[in-house]
PDB file of all heavy atoms in Angstrom:
ATOM      1  N   GLY A   1       0.203   9.336  -1.876  1.00  0.00           N
ATOM      2  CA  GLY A   1      -0.508   9.434  -0.484  1.00  0.00           C
ATOM      3  C   GLY A   1      -0.685   7.866   0.046  1.00  0.00           C
ATOM      4  O   GLY A   1      -1.019   7.904   1.241  1.00  0.00           O
ATOM      5  N   VAL A   2      -0.684   6.846  -0.898  1.00  0.00           N
ATOM      6  CA  VAL A   2      -0.908   5.571  -0.344  1.00  0.00           C
ATOM      7  C   VAL A   2       0.433   4.841  -0.105  1.00  0.00           C
ATOM      8  O   VAL A   2       1.337   5.111  -0.962  1.00  0.00           O
ATOM      9  CB  VAL A   2      -1.776   4.732  -1.426  1.00  0.00           C
ATOM     10  CG1 VAL A   2      -1.841   3.377  -1.031  1.00  0.00           C
ATOM     11  CG2 VAL A   2      -3.083   5.402  -1.490  1.00  0.00           C
ATOM     12  N   VAL A   3       0.611   4.095   0.988  1.00  0.00           N
ATOM     13  CA  VAL A   3       1.825   3.589   1.307  1.00  0.00           C
ATOM     14  C   VAL A   3       1.870   2.021   1.137  1.00  0.00           C
ATOM     15  O   VAL A   3       0.790   1.375   1.036  1.00  0.00           O
ATOM     16  CB  VAL A   3       2.221   3.743   2.673  1.00  0.00           C
ATOM     17  CG1 VAL A   3       2.472   5.258   2.980  1.00  0.00           C
ATOM     18  CG2 VAL A   3       1.205   3.294   3.650  1.00  0.00           C
ATOM     19  N   CYS A   4       2.979   1.491   0.794  1.00  0.00           N
ATOM     20  CA  CYS A   4       3.109  -0.027   0.472  1.00  0.00           C
ATOM     21  C   CYS A   4       3.547  -0.848   1.697  1.00  0.00           C
ATOM     22  O   CYS A   4       4.095  -2.013   1.482  1.00  0.00           O
ATOM     23  CB  CYS A   4       4.135  -0.105  -0.636  1.00  0.00           C
ATOM     24  SG  CYS A   4       3.530   0.610  -2.268  1.00  0.00           S
ATOM     25  N   THR A   5       3.454  -0.294   2.731  1.00  0.00           N
ATOM     26  CA  THR A   5       3.768  -1.093   4.053  1.00  0.00           C
ATOM     27  C   THR A   5       2.549  -1.622   4.735  1.00  0.00           C
ATOM     28  O   THR A   5       1.411  -1.059   4.592  1.00  0.00           O
ATOM     29  CB  THR A   5       4.606  -0.136   4.998  1.00  0.00           C
ATOM     30  OG1 THR A   5       5.049  -0.965   6.103  1.00  0.00           O
ATOM     31  CG2 THR A   5       3.849   1.042   5.383  1.00  0.00           C
ATOM     32  N   THR A   6       2.752  -2.554   5.534  1.00  0.00           N
ATOM     33  CA  THR A   6       1.702  -3.115   6.398  1.00  0.00           C
ATOM     34  C   THR A   6       1.709  -2.495   7.836  1.00  0.00           C
ATOM     35  O   THR A   6       0.860  -2.724   8.662  1.00  0.00           O
ATOM     36  CB  THR A   6       1.880  -4.637   6.628  1.00  0.00           C
ATOM     37  OG1 THR A   6       3.096  -4.925   7.144  1.00  0.00           O
ATOM     38  CG2 THR A   6       1.618  -5.337   5.252  1.00  0.00           C
ATOM     39  N   ASP A   7       2.702  -1.593   8.042  1.00  0.00           N
ATOM     40  CA  ASP A   7       2.826  -0.891   9.326  1.00  0.00           C
ATOM     41  C   ASP A   7       1.854   0.237   9.321  1.00  0.00           C
ATOM     42  O   ASP A   7       1.851   1.309   8.552  1.00  0.00           O
ATOM     43  CB  ASP A   7       4.225  -0.256   9.409  1.00  0.00           C
ATOM     44  CG  ASP A   7       4.512   0.231  10.881  1.00  0.00           C
ATOM     45  OD1 ASP A   7       3.557   0.482  11.466  1.00  0.00           O
ATOM     46  OD2 ASP A   7       5.801   0.377  11.182  1.00  0.00           O
ATOM     47  N   LYS A   8       0.923   0.260  10.292  1.00  0.00           N
ATOM     48  CA  LYS A   8      -0.137   1.203  10.353  1.00  0.00           C
ATOM     49  C   LYS A   8       0.042   2.228  11.499  1.00  0.00           C
ATOM     50  O   LYS A   8      -0.868   2.959  11.777  1.00  0.00           O
ATOM     51  CB  LYS A   8      -1.559   0.496  10.499  1.00  0.00           C
ATOM     52  CG  LYS A   8      -1.937  -0.349   9.370  1.00  0.00           C
ATOM     53  CD  LYS A   8      -3.188  -1.086   9.540  1.00  0.00           C
ATOM     54  CE  LYS A   8      -3.624  -2.018   8.374  1.00  0.00           C
ATOM     55  NZ  LYS A   8      -4.914  -2.651   8.558  1.00  0.00           N
ATOM     56  N   ARG A   9       1.254   2.219  12.085  1.00  0.00           N
ATOM     57  CA  ARG A   9       1.479   3.075  13.264  1.00  0.00           C
ATOM     58  C   ARG A   9       1.361   4.594  12.927  1.00  0.00           C
ATOM     59  O   ARG A   9       1.008   5.388  13.823  1.00  0.00           O
ATOM     60  CB  ARG A   9       2.995   2.834  13.762  1.00  0.00           C
ATOM     61  CG  ARG A   9       3.093   1.472  14.535  1.00  0.00           C
ATOM     62  CD  ARG A   9       4.575   1.432  14.974  1.00  0.00           C
ATOM     63  NE  ARG A   9       5.460   1.302  13.773  1.00  0.00           N
ATOM     64  CZ  ARG A   9       6.732   1.312  13.905  1.00  0.00           C
ATOM     65  NH1 ARG A   9       7.302   1.309  15.172  1.00  0.00           N
ATOM     66  NH2 ARG A   9       7.542   1.179  12.941  1.00  0.00           N
ATOM     67  N   TRP A  10       1.565   4.927  11.640  1.00  0.00           N
ATOM     68  CA  TRP A  10       1.506   6.368  11.313  1.00  0.00           C
ATOM     69  C   TRP A  10       0.204   6.803  10.759  1.00  0.00           C
ATOM     70  O   TRP A  10       0.043   7.955  10.367  1.00  0.00           O
ATOM     71  CB  TRP A  10       2.708   6.728  10.314  1.00  0.00           C
ATOM     72  CG  TRP A  10       3.988   6.002  10.666  1.00  0.00           C
ATOM     73  CD1 TRP A  10       4.653   5.018   9.974  1.00  0.00           C
ATOM     74  CD2 TRP A  10       4.715   6.220  11.787  1.00  0.00           C
ATOM     75  NE1 TRP A  10       5.703   4.659  10.629  1.00  0.00           N
ATOM     76  CE2 TRP A  10       5.832   5.389  11.860  1.00  0.00           C
ATOM     77  CE3 TRP A  10       4.588   7.133  12.928  1.00  0.00           C
ATOM     78  CZ2 TRP A  10       6.824   5.403  12.800  1.00  0.00           C
ATOM     79  CZ3 TRP A  10       5.577   7.076  13.823  1.00  0.00           C
ATOM     80  CH2 TRP A  10       6.627   6.222  13.877  1.00  0.00           C
ATOM     81  N   GLY A  11      -0.753   5.847  10.617  1.00  0.00           N
ATOM     82  CA  GLY A  11      -2.080   6.317  10.189  1.00  0.00           C
ATOM     83  C   GLY A  11      -2.251   6.507   8.643  1.00  0.00           C
ATOM     84  O   GLY A  11      -3.232   7.024   8.302  1.00  0.00           O
ATOM     85  N   ASP A  12      -1.209   6.075   8.013  1.00  0.00           N
ATOM     86  CA  ASP A  12      -1.335   6.147   6.520  1.00  0.00           C
ATOM     87  C   ASP A  12      -2.337   5.267   5.935  1.00  0.00           C
ATOM     88  O   ASP A  12      -2.483   4.094   6.415  1.00  0.00           O
ATOM     89  CB  ASP A  12       0.005   5.964   5.925  1.00  0.00           C
ATOM     90  CG  ASP A  12       1.055   7.140   6.279  1.00  0.00           C
ATOM     91  OD1 ASP A  12       0.607   8.242   6.182  1.00  0.00           O
ATOM     92  OD2 ASP A  12       2.163   6.798   6.435  1.00  0.00           O
ATOM     93  N   ARG A  13      -2.884   5.510   4.787  1.00  0.00           N
ATOM     94  CA  ARG A  13      -3.688   4.615   3.984  1.00  0.00           C
ATOM     95  C   ARG A  13      -2.894   3.585   3.238  1.00  0.00           C
ATOM     96  O   ARG A  13      -1.927   4.108   2.517  1.00  0.00           O
ATOM     97  CB  ARG A  13      -4.595   5.244   3.125  1.00  0.00           C
ATOM     98  CG  ARG A  13      -5.649   4.415   2.391  1.00  0.00           C
ATOM     99  CD  ARG A  13      -6.435   5.103   1.356  1.00  0.00           C
ATOM    100  NE  ARG A  13      -7.574   4.249   0.844  1.00  0.00           N
ATOM    101  CZ  ARG A  13      -8.174   4.648  -0.347  1.00  0.00           C
ATOM    102  NH1 ARG A  13      -7.777   5.671  -1.128  1.00  0.00           N
ATOM    103  NH2 ARG A  13      -9.113   3.792  -0.733  1.00  0.00           N
ATOM    104  N   THR A  14      -2.940   2.286   3.513  1.00  0.00           N
ATOM    105  CA  THR A  14      -2.155   1.372   2.896  1.00  0.00           C
ATOM    106  C   THR A  14      -2.778   0.868   1.519  1.00  0.00           C
ATOM    107  O   THR A  14      -3.985   1.039   1.313  1.00  0.00           O
ATOM    108  CB  THR A  14      -1.899   0.027   3.722  1.00  0.00           C
ATOM    109  OG1 THR A  14      -3.207  -0.628   3.863  1.00  0.00           O
ATOM    110  CG2 THR A  14      -1.428   0.450   5.127  1.00  0.00           C
ATOM    111  N   VAL A  15      -1.955   0.251   0.654  1.00  0.00           N
ATOM    112  CA  VAL A  15      -2.281  -0.198  -0.613  1.00  0.00           C
ATOM    113  C   VAL A  15      -3.353  -1.297  -0.375  1.00  0.00           C
ATOM    114  O   VAL A  15      -4.269  -1.404  -1.210  1.00  0.00           O
ATOM    115  CB  VAL A  15      -1.232  -0.434  -1.525  1.00  0.00           C
ATOM    116  CG1 VAL A  15      -0.449  -1.756  -0.987  1.00  0.00           C
ATOM    117  CG2 VAL A  15      -1.599  -0.804  -2.974  1.00  0.00           C
ATOM    118  N   GLU A  16      -3.215  -2.101   0.584  1.00  0.00           N
ATOM    119  CA  GLU A  16      -4.112  -3.237   0.849  1.00  0.00           C
ATOM    120  C   GLU A  16      -5.514  -2.645   1.148  1.00  0.00           C
ATOM    121  O   GLU A  16      -6.482  -3.263   0.711  1.00  0.00           O
ATOM    122  CB  GLU A  16      -3.613  -4.117   2.057  1.00  0.00           C
ATOM    123  CG  GLU A  16      -2.414  -4.990   1.618  1.00  0.00           C
ATOM    124  CD  GLU A  16      -1.081  -4.225   1.779  1.00  0.00           C
ATOM    125  OE1 GLU A  16      -1.044  -2.998   2.246  1.00  0.00           O
ATOM    126  OE2 GLU A  16       0.067  -4.864   1.431  1.00  0.00           O
ATOM    127  N   GLU A  17      -5.496  -1.628   2.009  1.00  0.00           N
ATOM    128  CA  GLU A  17      -6.876  -0.994   2.313  1.00  0.00           C
ATOM    129  C   GLU A  17      -7.512  -0.383   1.163  1.00  0.00           C
ATOM    130  O   GLU A  17      -8.641  -0.400   0.982  1.00  0.00           O
ATOM    131  CB  GLU A  17      -6.586   0.166   3.415  1.00  0.00           C
ATOM    132  CG  GLU A  17      -6.192  -0.534   4.840  1.00  0.00           C
ATOM    133  CD  GLU A  17      -5.779   0.632   5.770  1.00  0.00           C
ATOM    134  OE1 GLU A  17      -5.283   1.600   5.313  1.00  0.00           O
ATOM    135  OE2 GLU A  17      -5.904   0.437   6.987  1.00  0.00           O
ATOM    136  N   MET A  18      -6.605   0.307   0.219  1.00  0.00           N
ATOM    137  CA  MET A  18      -7.181   0.891  -0.972  1.00  0.00           C
ATOM    138  C   MET A  18      -7.852  -0.156  -1.881  1.00  0.00           C
ATOM    139  O   MET A  18      -8.888   0.039  -2.405  1.00  0.00           O
ATOM    140  CB  MET A  18      -6.045   1.609  -1.677  1.00  0.00           C
ATOM    141  CG  MET A  18      -6.472   2.261  -3.087  1.00  0.00           C
ATOM    142  SD  MET A  18      -5.065   2.680  -4.030  1.00  0.00           S
ATOM    143  CE  MET A  18      -4.669   1.076  -4.774  1.00  0.00           C
ATOM    144  N   LEU A  19      -7.092  -1.290  -2.066  1.00  0.00           N
ATOM    145  CA  LEU A  19      -7.548  -2.292  -2.973  1.00  0.00           C
ATOM    146  C   LEU A  19      -8.783  -3.066  -2.494  1.00  0.00           C
ATOM    147  O   LEU A  19      -9.741  -3.410  -3.202  1.00  0.00           O
ATOM    148  CB  LEU A  19      -6.540  -3.339  -3.335  1.00  0.00           C
ATOM    149  CG  LEU A  19      -5.350  -2.941  -4.149  1.00  0.00           C
ATOM    150  CD1 LEU A  19      -4.482  -4.245  -4.467  1.00  0.00           C
ATOM    151  CD2 LEU A  19      -5.994  -2.504  -5.604  1.00  0.00           C
ATOM    152  N   ASN A  20      -8.731  -3.357  -1.040  1.00  0.00           N
ATOM    153  CA  ASN A  20      -9.782  -4.232  -0.518  1.00  0.00           C
ATOM    154  C   ASN A  20     -10.026  -5.498  -1.245  1.00  0.00           C
ATOM    155  O   ASN A  20     -11.143  -5.945  -1.524  1.00  0.00           O
ATOM    156  CB  ASN A  20     -11.154  -3.392  -0.425  1.00  0.00           C
ATOM    157  CG  ASN A  20     -12.009  -4.010   0.612  1.00  0.00           C
ATOM    158  OD1 ASN A  20     -11.726  -4.837   1.507  1.00  0.00           O
ATOM    159  ND2 ASN A  20     -13.317  -3.864   0.382  1.00  0.00           N
ATOM    160  N   TYR A  21      -8.851  -6.166  -1.652  1.00  0.00           N
ATOM    161  CA  TYR A  21      -8.928  -7.301  -2.478  1.00  0.00           C
ATOM    162  C   TYR A  21      -9.416  -8.531  -1.630  1.00  0.00           C
ATOM    163  O   TYR A  21      -8.837  -8.512  -0.422  1.00  0.00           O
ATOM    164  CB  TYR A  21      -7.573  -7.679  -3.120  1.00  0.00           C
ATOM    165  CG  TYR A  21      -7.644  -8.688  -4.233  1.00  0.00           C
ATOM    166  CD1 TYR A  21      -8.139  -8.385  -5.497  1.00  0.00           C
ATOM    167  CD2 TYR A  21      -7.296  -9.933  -4.041  1.00  0.00           C
ATOM    168  CE1 TYR A  21      -8.166  -9.326  -6.521  1.00  0.00           C
ATOM    169  CE2 TYR A  21      -7.272 -11.012  -4.960  1.00  0.00           C
ATOM    170  CZ  TYR A  21      -7.815 -10.627  -6.252  1.00  0.00           C
ATOM    171  OH  TYR A  21      -7.926 -11.465  -7.360  1.00  0.00           O
ATOM    172  N   PRO A  22     -10.232  -9.397  -2.034  1.00  0.00           N
ATOM    173  CA  PRO A  22     -10.838 -10.404  -1.128  1.00  0.00           C
ATOM    174  C   PRO A  22      -9.829 -11.474  -0.732  1.00  0.00           C
ATOM    175  O   PRO A  22     -10.163 -12.245   0.205  1.00  0.00           O
ATOM    176  CB  PRO A  22     -11.919 -11.030  -1.982  1.00  0.00           C
ATOM    177  CG  PRO A  22     -11.515 -10.790  -3.426  1.00  0.00           C
ATOM    178  CD  PRO A  22     -10.797  -9.405  -3.326  1.00  0.00           C
ATOM    179  N   LYS A  23      -8.638 -11.565  -1.335  1.00  0.00           N
ATOM    180  CA  LYS A  23      -7.600 -12.516  -0.916  1.00  0.00           C
ATOM    181  C   LYS A  23      -6.335 -11.753  -0.549  1.00  0.00           C
ATOM    182  O   LYS A  23      -6.063 -10.691  -1.037  1.00  0.00           O
ATOM    183  CB  LYS A  23      -7.351 -13.599  -1.922  1.00  0.00           C
ATOM    184  CG  LYS A  23      -8.569 -14.488  -2.228  1.00  0.00           C
ATOM    185  CD  LYS A  23      -8.321 -15.607  -3.162  1.00  0.00           C
ATOM    186  CE  LYS A  23      -9.553 -16.469  -3.353  1.00  0.00           C
ATOM    187  NZ  LYS A  23      -9.176 -17.571  -4.419  1.00  0.00           N
ATOM    188  N   ARG A  24      -5.516 -12.392   0.339  1.00  0.00           N
ATOM    189  CA  ARG A  24      -4.263 -11.776   0.816  1.00  0.00           C
ATOM    190  C   ARG A  24      -3.286 -11.675  -0.496  1.00  0.00           C
ATOM    191  O   ARG A  24      -2.909 -12.701  -1.131  1.00  0.00           O
ATOM    192  CB  ARG A  24      -3.578 -12.576   1.856  1.00  0.00           C
ATOM    193  CG  ARG A  24      -4.340 -12.420   3.177  1.00  0.00           C
ATOM    194  CD  ARG A  24      -3.533 -13.074   4.313  1.00  0.00           C
ATOM    195  NE  ARG A  24      -4.164 -13.012   5.583  1.00  0.00           N
ATOM    196  CZ  ARG A  24      -3.874 -11.998   6.488  1.00  0.00           C
ATOM    197  NH1 ARG A  24      -3.096 -11.162   6.102  1.00  0.00           N
ATOM    198  NH2 ARG A  24      -4.484 -12.001   7.594  1.00  0.00           N
ATOM    199  N   VAL A  25      -2.809 -10.444  -0.769  1.00  0.00           N
ATOM    200  CA  VAL A  25      -1.726 -10.213  -1.602  1.00  0.00           C
ATOM    201  C   VAL A  25      -0.817  -9.197  -1.141  1.00  0.00           C
ATOM    202  O   VAL A  25      -1.195  -8.412  -0.300  1.00  0.00           O
ATOM    203  CB  VAL A  25      -2.256  -9.816  -3.109  1.00  0.00           C
ATOM    204  CG1 VAL A  25      -3.081 -10.888  -3.835  1.00  0.00           C
ATOM    205  CG2 VAL A  25      -3.238  -8.453  -2.905  1.00  0.00           C
ATOM    206  N   PHE A  26       0.405  -9.130  -1.673  1.00  0.00           N
ATOM    207  CA  PHE A  26       1.345  -8.139  -1.233  1.00  0.00           C
ATOM    208  C   PHE A  26       2.155  -7.571  -2.379  1.00  0.00           C
ATOM    209  O   PHE A  26       2.168  -8.198  -3.401  1.00  0.00           O
ATOM    210  CB  PHE A  26       2.190  -8.661  -0.014  1.00  0.00           C
ATOM    211  CG  PHE A  26       3.029  -9.872  -0.364  1.00  0.00           C
ATOM    212  CD1 PHE A  26       4.300  -9.786  -0.734  1.00  0.00           C
ATOM    213  CD2 PHE A  26       2.412 -11.100  -0.217  1.00  0.00           C
ATOM    214  CE1 PHE A  26       4.970 -10.903  -1.053  1.00  0.00           C
ATOM    215  CE2 PHE A  26       3.104 -12.256  -0.515  1.00  0.00           C
ATOM    216  CZ  PHE A  26       4.432 -12.119  -0.981  1.00  0.00           C
ATOM    217  N   SER A  27       2.822  -6.515  -2.206  1.00  0.00           N
ATOM    218  CA  SER A  27       3.382  -5.789  -3.252  1.00  0.00           C
ATOM    219  C   SER A  27       4.719  -6.242  -3.721  1.00  0.00           C
ATOM    220  O   SER A  27       5.558  -6.823  -2.939  1.00  0.00           O
ATOM    221  CB  SER A  27       3.502  -4.307  -3.050  1.00  0.00           C
ATOM    222  OG  SER A  27       4.404  -4.142  -1.847  1.00  0.00           O
ATOM    223  N   VAL A  28       5.048  -6.325  -5.061  1.00  0.00           N
ATOM    224  CA  VAL A  28       6.356  -6.670  -5.623  1.00  0.00           C
ATOM    225  C   VAL A  28       7.053  -5.325  -5.785  1.00  0.00           C
ATOM    226  O   VAL A  28       6.882  -4.755  -6.869  1.00  0.00           O
ATOM    227  CB  VAL A  28       6.070  -7.470  -6.975  1.00  0.00           C
ATOM    228  CG1 VAL A  28       7.393  -7.868  -7.452  1.00  0.00           C
ATOM    229  CG2 VAL A  28       5.131  -8.608  -6.770  1.00  0.00           C
ATOM    230  N   GLY A  29       7.834  -5.047  -4.779  1.00  0.00           N
ATOM    231  CA  GLY A  29       8.645  -3.789  -4.880  1.00  0.00           C
ATOM    232  C   GLY A  29       7.689  -2.603  -4.545  1.00  0.00           C
ATOM    233  O   GLY A  29       6.652  -2.430  -5.074  1.00  0.00           O
ATOM    234  N   ARG A  30       8.242  -1.729  -3.807  1.00  0.00           N
ATOM    235  CA  ARG A  30       7.450  -0.655  -3.185  1.00  0.00           C
ATOM    236  C   ARG A  30       7.656   0.610  -4.021  1.00  0.00           C
ATOM    237  O   ARG A  30       8.706   0.796  -4.681  1.00  0.00           O
ATOM    238  CB  ARG A  30       7.876  -0.295  -1.779  1.00  0.00           C
ATOM    239  CG  ARG A  30       7.548  -1.526  -0.806  1.00  0.00           C
ATOM    240  CD  ARG A  30       7.920  -1.105   0.584  1.00  0.00           C
ATOM    241  NE  ARG A  30       7.665  -2.204   1.494  1.00  0.00           N
ATOM    242  CZ  ARG A  30       7.901  -2.145   2.788  1.00  0.00           C
ATOM    243  NH1 ARG A  30       8.398  -1.089   3.420  1.00  0.00           N
ATOM    244  NH2 ARG A  30       7.570  -3.234   3.528  1.00  0.00           N
ATOM    245  N   LEU A  31       6.704   1.460  -3.886  1.00  0.00           N
ATOM    246  CA  LEU A  31       6.730   2.906  -4.332  1.00  0.00           C
ATOM    247  C   LEU A  31       6.592   3.781  -3.063  1.00  0.00           C
ATOM    248  O   LEU A  31       5.778   3.419  -2.225  1.00  0.00           O
ATOM    249  CB  LEU A  31       5.696   3.359  -5.412  1.00  0.00           C
ATOM    250  CG  LEU A  31       5.897   2.615  -6.840  1.00  0.00           C
ATOM    251  CD1 LEU A  31       4.622   2.940  -7.661  1.00  0.00           C
ATOM    252  CD2 LEU A  31       7.049   3.285  -7.466  1.00  0.00           C
ATOM    253  N   ASP A  32       7.482   4.723  -2.851  1.00  0.00           N
ATOM    254  CA  ASP A  32       7.147   5.481  -1.590  1.00  0.00           C
ATOM    255  C   ASP A  32       5.894   6.278  -1.686  1.00  0.00           C
ATOM    256  O   ASP A  32       5.206   6.462  -2.754  1.00  0.00           O
ATOM    257  CB  ASP A  32       8.485   6.437  -1.390  1.00  0.00           C
ATOM    258  CG  ASP A  32       8.634   7.454  -2.422  1.00  0.00           C
ATOM    259  OD1 ASP A  32       7.624   8.056  -2.937  1.00  0.00           O
ATOM    260  OD2 ASP A  32       9.724   7.837  -2.699  1.00  0.00           O
ATOM    261  N   LYS A  33       5.594   6.914  -0.597  1.00  0.00           N
ATOM    262  CA  LYS A  33       4.272   7.554  -0.416  1.00  0.00           C
ATOM    263  C   LYS A  33       3.990   8.688  -1.503  1.00  0.00           C
ATOM    264  O   LYS A  33       2.786   8.839  -1.917  1.00  0.00           O
ATOM    265  CB  LYS A  33       4.235   8.175   0.978  1.00  0.00           C
ATOM    266  CG  LYS A  33       2.869   8.809   1.441  1.00  0.00           C
ATOM    267  CD  LYS A  33       2.880   9.228   2.868  1.00  0.00           C
ATOM    268  CE  LYS A  33       1.531   9.961   3.181  1.00  0.00           C
ATOM    269  NZ  LYS A  33       1.600  10.321   4.647  1.00  0.00           N
ATOM    270  N   ASN A  34       5.104   9.366  -1.931  1.00  0.00           N
ATOM    271  CA  ASN A  34       4.851  10.544  -2.796  1.00  0.00           C
ATOM    272  C   ASN A  34       5.021  10.066  -4.272  1.00  0.00           C
ATOM    273  O   ASN A  34       4.969  11.010  -5.126  1.00  0.00           O
ATOM    274  CB  ASN A  34       5.867  11.688  -2.535  1.00  0.00           C
ATOM    275  CG  ASN A  34       5.513  12.361  -1.229  1.00  0.00           C
ATOM    276  OD1 ASN A  34       4.363  12.480  -0.800  1.00  0.00           O
ATOM    277  ND2 ASN A  34       6.549  12.545  -0.286  1.00  0.00           N
ATOM    278  N   SER A  35       5.264   8.857  -4.458  1.00  0.00           N
ATOM    279  CA  SER A  35       5.460   8.332  -5.883  1.00  0.00           C
ATOM    280  C   SER A  35       4.137   7.650  -6.267  1.00  0.00           C
ATOM    281  O   SER A  35       3.308   7.198  -5.400  1.00  0.00           O
ATOM    282  CB  SER A  35       6.643   7.342  -6.002  1.00  0.00           C
ATOM    283  OG  SER A  35       7.764   8.005  -5.588  1.00  0.00           O
ATOM    284  N   GLU A  36       3.972   7.371  -7.629  1.00  0.00           N
ATOM    285  CA  GLU A  36       2.696   6.763  -8.072  1.00  0.00           C
ATOM    286  C   GLU A  36       2.997   5.834  -9.195  1.00  0.00           C
ATOM    287  O   GLU A  36       4.092   5.801  -9.707  1.00  0.00           O
ATOM    288  CB  GLU A  36       1.706   7.866  -8.517  1.00  0.00           C
ATOM    289  CG  GLU A  36       2.360   8.753  -9.667  1.00  0.00           C
ATOM    290  CD  GLU A  36       1.521   9.950 -10.016  1.00  0.00           C
ATOM    291  OE1 GLU A  36       0.306   9.810 -10.439  1.00  0.00           O
ATOM    292  OE2 GLU A  36       1.931  11.011  -9.707  1.00  0.00           O
ATOM    293  N   GLY A  37       2.024   5.104  -9.687  1.00  0.00           N
ATOM    294  CA  GLY A  37       2.151   4.298 -10.813  1.00  0.00           C
ATOM    295  C   GLY A  37       2.055   2.829 -10.572  1.00  0.00           C
ATOM    296  O   GLY A  37       1.446   2.449  -9.540  1.00  0.00           O
ATOM    297  N   LEU A  38       2.697   1.985 -11.426  1.00  0.00           N
ATOM    298  CA  LEU A  38       2.531   0.613 -11.448  1.00  0.00           C
ATOM    299  C   LEU A  38       3.135  -0.049 -10.313  1.00  0.00           C
ATOM    300  O   LEU A  38       4.315   0.077  -9.888  1.00  0.00           O
ATOM    301  CB  LEU A  38       3.176   0.084 -12.790  1.00  0.00           C
ATOM    302  CG  LEU A  38       3.080  -1.436 -12.975  1.00  0.00           C
ATOM    303  CD1 LEU A  38       1.575  -1.809 -13.108  1.00  0.00           C
ATOM    304  CD2 LEU A  38       3.850  -1.899 -14.167  1.00  0.00           C
ATOM    305  N   LEU A  39       2.270  -1.005  -9.651  1.00  0.00           N
ATOM    306  CA  LEU A  39       2.715  -1.742  -8.502  1.00  0.00           C
ATOM    307  C   LEU A  39       2.147  -3.170  -8.843  1.00  0.00           C
ATOM    308  O   LEU A  39       1.051  -3.194  -9.202  1.00  0.00           O
ATOM    309  CB  LEU A  39       2.115  -1.184  -7.246  1.00  0.00           C
ATOM    310  CG  LEU A  39       2.618  -1.774  -5.925  1.00  0.00           C
ATOM    311  CD1 LEU A  39       4.124  -1.348  -5.716  1.00  0.00           C
ATOM    312  CD2 LEU A  39       1.828  -1.372  -4.825  1.00  0.00           C
TER     313      LEU A  39
END
């Protein structure tokens, strides 16, 4: 249910929002919305 994109047009919850990490980080390889696990 969490997406790995920075595009918020579709209203999805992004992994950045989920983490709320204090510094800017981005994902190494995506997992689609319906997939889960290591990122």
